[in-house]
N, C-alpha and C. Protein backbone atom coordinates (compact mmCIF):
# COMPACT_ATOMS: atom_id res chain seq x y z
N MET A 1 116.91 -27.22 -77.23
CA MET A 1 116.65 -25.98 -76.51
C MET A 1 115.46 -26.18 -75.59
N SER A 2 115.36 -25.32 -74.62
CA SER A 2 114.25 -25.42 -73.68
C SER A 2 112.99 -24.82 -74.30
N PRO A 3 111.84 -25.28 -73.87
CA PRO A 3 110.60 -24.73 -74.43
C PRO A 3 110.35 -23.30 -74.01
N ASP A 4 111.00 -22.80 -72.95
CA ASP A 4 110.76 -21.43 -72.51
C ASP A 4 111.61 -20.41 -73.26
N GLY A 5 112.73 -20.82 -73.79
CA GLY A 5 113.67 -19.89 -74.43
C GLY A 5 113.33 -19.64 -75.89
N PRO A 6 113.93 -18.60 -76.47
CA PRO A 6 113.69 -18.32 -77.88
C PRO A 6 114.43 -19.33 -78.76
N GLY A 7 113.95 -19.50 -79.95
CA GLY A 7 114.60 -20.43 -80.87
C GLY A 7 113.57 -21.31 -81.54
N PRO A 8 114.02 -22.29 -82.29
CA PRO A 8 113.09 -23.16 -83.01
C PRO A 8 112.17 -23.94 -82.08
N ALA A 9 112.67 -24.39 -80.92
CA ALA A 9 111.82 -25.16 -80.01
C ALA A 9 111.02 -24.24 -79.09
N GLY A 10 111.39 -22.98 -78.99
CA GLY A 10 110.73 -22.05 -78.08
C GLY A 10 109.43 -21.49 -78.60
N GLY A 11 109.18 -21.59 -79.86
CA GLY A 11 107.93 -21.08 -80.41
C GLY A 11 108.00 -19.64 -80.83
N GLU A 12 109.07 -18.91 -80.55
CA GLU A 12 109.21 -17.51 -80.95
C GLU A 12 110.16 -17.43 -82.14
N PRO A 13 109.66 -17.25 -83.32
CA PRO A 13 110.54 -17.19 -84.50
C PRO A 13 111.22 -15.83 -84.61
N GLU A 14 112.42 -15.70 -84.08
CA GLU A 14 113.18 -14.45 -84.15
C GLU A 14 114.32 -14.56 -85.15
N THR A 15 114.14 -15.32 -86.17
CA THR A 15 115.23 -15.53 -87.12
C THR A 15 115.41 -14.38 -88.09
N SER A 16 114.40 -13.59 -88.36
CA SER A 16 114.53 -12.52 -89.34
C SER A 16 115.28 -11.32 -88.79
N GLU A 17 115.17 -11.04 -87.51
CA GLU A 17 115.81 -9.86 -86.93
C GLU A 17 117.34 -9.96 -86.92
N PRO A 18 117.96 -11.06 -86.49
CA PRO A 18 119.43 -11.11 -86.52
C PRO A 18 119.98 -11.04 -87.95
N ILE A 19 119.25 -11.58 -88.91
CA ILE A 19 119.72 -11.53 -90.29
C ILE A 19 119.71 -10.09 -90.80
N ARG A 20 118.70 -9.33 -90.46
CA ARG A 20 118.66 -7.92 -90.86
C ARG A 20 119.81 -7.15 -90.24
N LEU A 21 120.14 -7.45 -89.00
CA LEU A 21 121.26 -6.78 -88.34
C LEU A 21 122.58 -7.10 -89.05
N LEU A 22 122.73 -8.33 -89.47
CA LEU A 22 123.94 -8.70 -90.19
C LEU A 22 124.01 -8.02 -91.57
N LEU A 23 122.87 -7.89 -92.23
CA LEU A 23 122.86 -7.22 -93.53
C LEU A 23 123.26 -5.76 -93.41
N GLU A 24 122.90 -5.12 -92.30
CA GLU A 24 123.27 -3.73 -92.10
C GLU A 24 124.77 -3.58 -91.86
N GLN A 25 125.43 -4.62 -91.39
CA GLN A 25 126.87 -4.54 -91.10
C GLN A 25 127.72 -4.93 -92.31
N GLU A 26 127.10 -5.33 -93.39
CA GLU A 26 127.84 -5.75 -94.56
C GLU A 26 128.57 -4.56 -95.19
N ARG A 27 129.86 -4.78 -95.50
CA ARG A 27 130.66 -3.74 -96.16
C ARG A 27 131.40 -4.37 -97.33
N GLU A 28 131.66 -3.58 -98.33
CA GLU A 28 132.43 -4.04 -99.48
C GLU A 28 133.91 -4.09 -99.08
N PRO A 29 134.64 -5.10 -99.54
CA PRO A 29 136.07 -5.15 -99.23
C PRO A 29 136.83 -4.08 -100.01
N ALA A 30 138.04 -3.82 -99.55
CA ALA A 30 138.89 -2.84 -100.22
C ALA A 30 139.16 -3.30 -101.65
N PRO A 31 139.44 -2.37 -102.55
CA PRO A 31 139.64 -2.75 -103.96
C PRO A 31 140.77 -3.77 -104.17
N GLY A 32 141.84 -3.72 -103.42
CA GLY A 32 142.95 -4.64 -103.64
C GLY A 32 142.92 -5.86 -102.73
N PHE A 33 141.81 -6.08 -102.04
CA PHE A 33 141.74 -7.18 -101.07
C PHE A 33 141.93 -8.54 -101.73
N ALA A 34 141.23 -8.80 -102.82
CA ALA A 34 141.33 -10.10 -103.49
C ALA A 34 142.74 -10.33 -104.02
N ALA A 35 143.36 -9.29 -104.54
CA ALA A 35 144.74 -9.43 -105.04
C ALA A 35 145.70 -9.74 -103.90
N ARG A 36 145.52 -9.08 -102.76
CA ARG A 36 146.40 -9.34 -101.60
C ARG A 36 146.22 -10.76 -101.10
N VAL A 37 145.00 -11.23 -101.04
CA VAL A 37 144.74 -12.60 -100.59
C VAL A 37 145.36 -13.59 -101.57
N ARG A 38 145.20 -13.34 -102.85
CA ARG A 38 145.77 -14.23 -103.88
C ARG A 38 147.30 -14.27 -103.77
N ARG A 39 147.94 -13.11 -103.55
CA ARG A 39 149.40 -13.08 -103.40
C ARG A 39 149.84 -13.85 -102.17
N ARG A 40 149.11 -13.73 -101.08
CA ARG A 40 149.46 -14.49 -99.87
C ARG A 40 149.34 -15.99 -100.10
N ILE A 41 148.30 -16.40 -100.80
CA ILE A 41 148.12 -17.82 -101.09
C ILE A 41 149.26 -18.32 -101.95
N HIS A 42 149.64 -17.57 -102.97
CA HIS A 42 150.75 -17.97 -103.84
C HIS A 42 152.06 -18.02 -103.07
N ARG A 43 152.27 -17.05 -102.20
CA ARG A 43 153.51 -17.01 -101.41
C ARG A 43 153.59 -18.22 -100.48
N ARG A 44 152.50 -18.57 -99.84
CA ARG A 44 152.51 -19.74 -98.94
C ARG A 44 152.65 -21.04 -99.72
N THR A 45 152.03 -21.11 -100.89
CA THR A 45 152.18 -22.30 -101.73
C THR A 45 153.62 -22.46 -102.17
N ALA A 46 154.25 -21.37 -102.59
CA ALA A 46 155.65 -21.43 -103.02
C ALA A 46 156.56 -21.83 -101.86
N ALA A 47 156.31 -21.31 -100.68
CA ALA A 47 157.12 -21.68 -99.52
C ALA A 47 156.95 -23.15 -99.18
N GLY A 48 155.74 -23.66 -99.29
CA GLY A 48 155.49 -25.07 -99.03
C GLY A 48 156.17 -25.97 -100.05
N GLN A 49 156.13 -25.57 -101.31
CA GLN A 49 156.79 -26.36 -102.34
C GLN A 49 158.30 -26.34 -102.17
N LEU A 50 158.85 -25.19 -101.78
CA LEU A 50 160.29 -25.10 -101.54
C LEU A 50 160.70 -25.97 -100.36
N ALA A 51 159.92 -25.96 -99.30
CA ALA A 51 160.23 -26.81 -98.15
C ALA A 51 160.14 -28.28 -98.52
N SER A 52 159.15 -28.65 -99.29
CA SER A 52 159.02 -30.04 -99.73
C SER A 52 160.18 -30.44 -100.63
N PHE A 53 160.56 -29.56 -101.54
CA PHE A 53 161.67 -29.84 -102.44
C PHE A 53 162.96 -30.00 -101.65
N SER A 54 163.22 -29.11 -100.71
CA SER A 54 164.47 -29.19 -99.94
C SER A 54 164.47 -30.40 -99.02
N TRP A 55 163.32 -30.94 -98.69
CA TRP A 55 163.25 -32.14 -97.85
C TRP A 55 163.52 -33.40 -98.68
N HIS A 56 163.05 -33.43 -99.92
CA HIS A 56 163.16 -34.63 -100.75
C HIS A 56 164.41 -34.66 -101.61
N ILE A 57 165.05 -33.52 -101.87
CA ILE A 57 166.18 -33.50 -102.79
C ILE A 57 167.38 -34.32 -102.29
N PRO A 58 167.74 -34.34 -100.99
CA PRO A 58 168.87 -35.18 -100.58
C PRO A 58 168.64 -36.66 -100.86
N LYS A 59 167.43 -37.12 -100.67
CA LYS A 59 167.12 -38.53 -100.97
C LYS A 59 167.28 -38.82 -102.46
N LEU A 60 166.83 -37.90 -103.29
CA LEU A 60 166.95 -38.10 -104.73
C LEU A 60 168.41 -38.10 -105.17
N VAL A 61 169.21 -37.21 -104.61
CA VAL A 61 170.62 -37.14 -104.96
C VAL A 61 171.33 -38.41 -104.54
N LEU A 62 171.08 -38.87 -103.33
CA LEU A 62 171.73 -40.11 -102.86
C LEU A 62 171.31 -41.31 -103.71
N ARG A 63 170.08 -41.37 -104.09
CA ARG A 63 169.62 -42.48 -104.93
C ARG A 63 170.29 -42.45 -106.29
N GLU A 64 170.38 -41.27 -106.88
CA GLU A 64 171.04 -41.14 -108.18
C GLU A 64 172.53 -41.49 -108.08
N MET A 65 173.18 -41.05 -107.01
CA MET A 65 174.60 -41.39 -106.82
C MET A 65 174.77 -42.90 -106.66
N GLY A 66 173.88 -43.53 -105.94
CA GLY A 66 173.93 -44.98 -105.78
C GLY A 66 173.75 -45.70 -107.11
N GLU A 67 172.85 -45.22 -107.93
CA GLU A 67 172.64 -45.83 -109.25
C GLU A 67 173.87 -45.64 -110.14
N ILE A 68 174.51 -44.48 -110.06
CA ILE A 68 175.72 -44.23 -110.85
C ILE A 68 176.83 -45.18 -110.40
N LEU A 69 177.02 -45.31 -109.08
CA LEU A 69 178.05 -46.22 -108.58
C LEU A 69 177.76 -47.66 -108.96
N ARG A 70 176.51 -48.07 -108.88
CA ARG A 70 176.14 -49.43 -109.27
C ARG A 70 176.42 -49.68 -110.75
N ASP A 71 176.06 -48.71 -111.59
CA ASP A 71 176.32 -48.85 -113.01
C ASP A 71 177.83 -48.87 -113.29
N LEU A 72 178.58 -48.05 -112.55
CA LEU A 72 180.03 -48.02 -112.72
C LEU A 72 180.64 -49.35 -112.33
N PHE A 73 180.26 -49.90 -111.20
CA PHE A 73 180.80 -51.19 -110.77
C PHE A 73 180.37 -52.31 -111.71
N THR A 74 179.16 -52.24 -112.22
CA THR A 74 178.70 -53.27 -113.17
C THR A 74 179.51 -53.18 -114.47
N ALA A 75 179.76 -51.95 -114.93
CA ALA A 75 180.52 -51.78 -116.17
C ALA A 75 181.96 -52.22 -115.98
N LEU A 76 182.58 -51.86 -114.88
CA LEU A 76 183.97 -52.25 -114.64
C LEU A 76 184.07 -53.74 -114.37
N GLY A 77 183.15 -54.30 -113.66
CA GLY A 77 183.14 -55.74 -113.37
C GLY A 77 182.91 -56.56 -114.64
N GLY A 78 182.09 -56.08 -115.54
CA GLY A 78 181.82 -56.78 -116.79
C GLY A 78 183.03 -56.78 -117.71
N ARG A 79 183.78 -55.67 -117.74
CA ARG A 79 184.97 -55.58 -118.58
C ARG A 79 186.06 -56.52 -118.08
N ARG A 80 186.29 -56.57 -116.79
CA ARG A 80 187.31 -57.43 -116.23
C ARG A 80 187.01 -58.89 -116.55
N GLY A 81 185.77 -59.27 -116.43
CA GLY A 81 185.40 -60.65 -116.73
C GLY A 81 185.57 -60.99 -118.20
N SER A 82 185.28 -60.04 -119.09
CA SER A 82 185.38 -60.32 -120.51
C SER A 82 186.82 -60.29 -121.01
N GLN A 83 187.72 -59.55 -120.31
CA GLN A 83 189.11 -59.47 -120.73
C GLN A 83 189.88 -60.70 -120.33
N LEU A 84 189.49 -61.45 -119.33
CA LEU A 84 190.24 -62.63 -118.89
C LEU A 84 190.05 -63.78 -119.76
């Protein structure tokens, strides 16, 4: 800051006045404010988890189907070899 202006470098300590003005503007939140904020957070978390689940579930299903087919081919291939 410049030496002529107010502030820490200006030499004029006006820090107490703005804080008092802010204290006068302080108001208590509405009674249900915390509950509404908590519900919004839970709703957004649930939506995010649902989006993540719907993004990853096709990969999981395809992997499981691949493992089933591999096990099926291994079982059928093993039986044919043992019967001959």
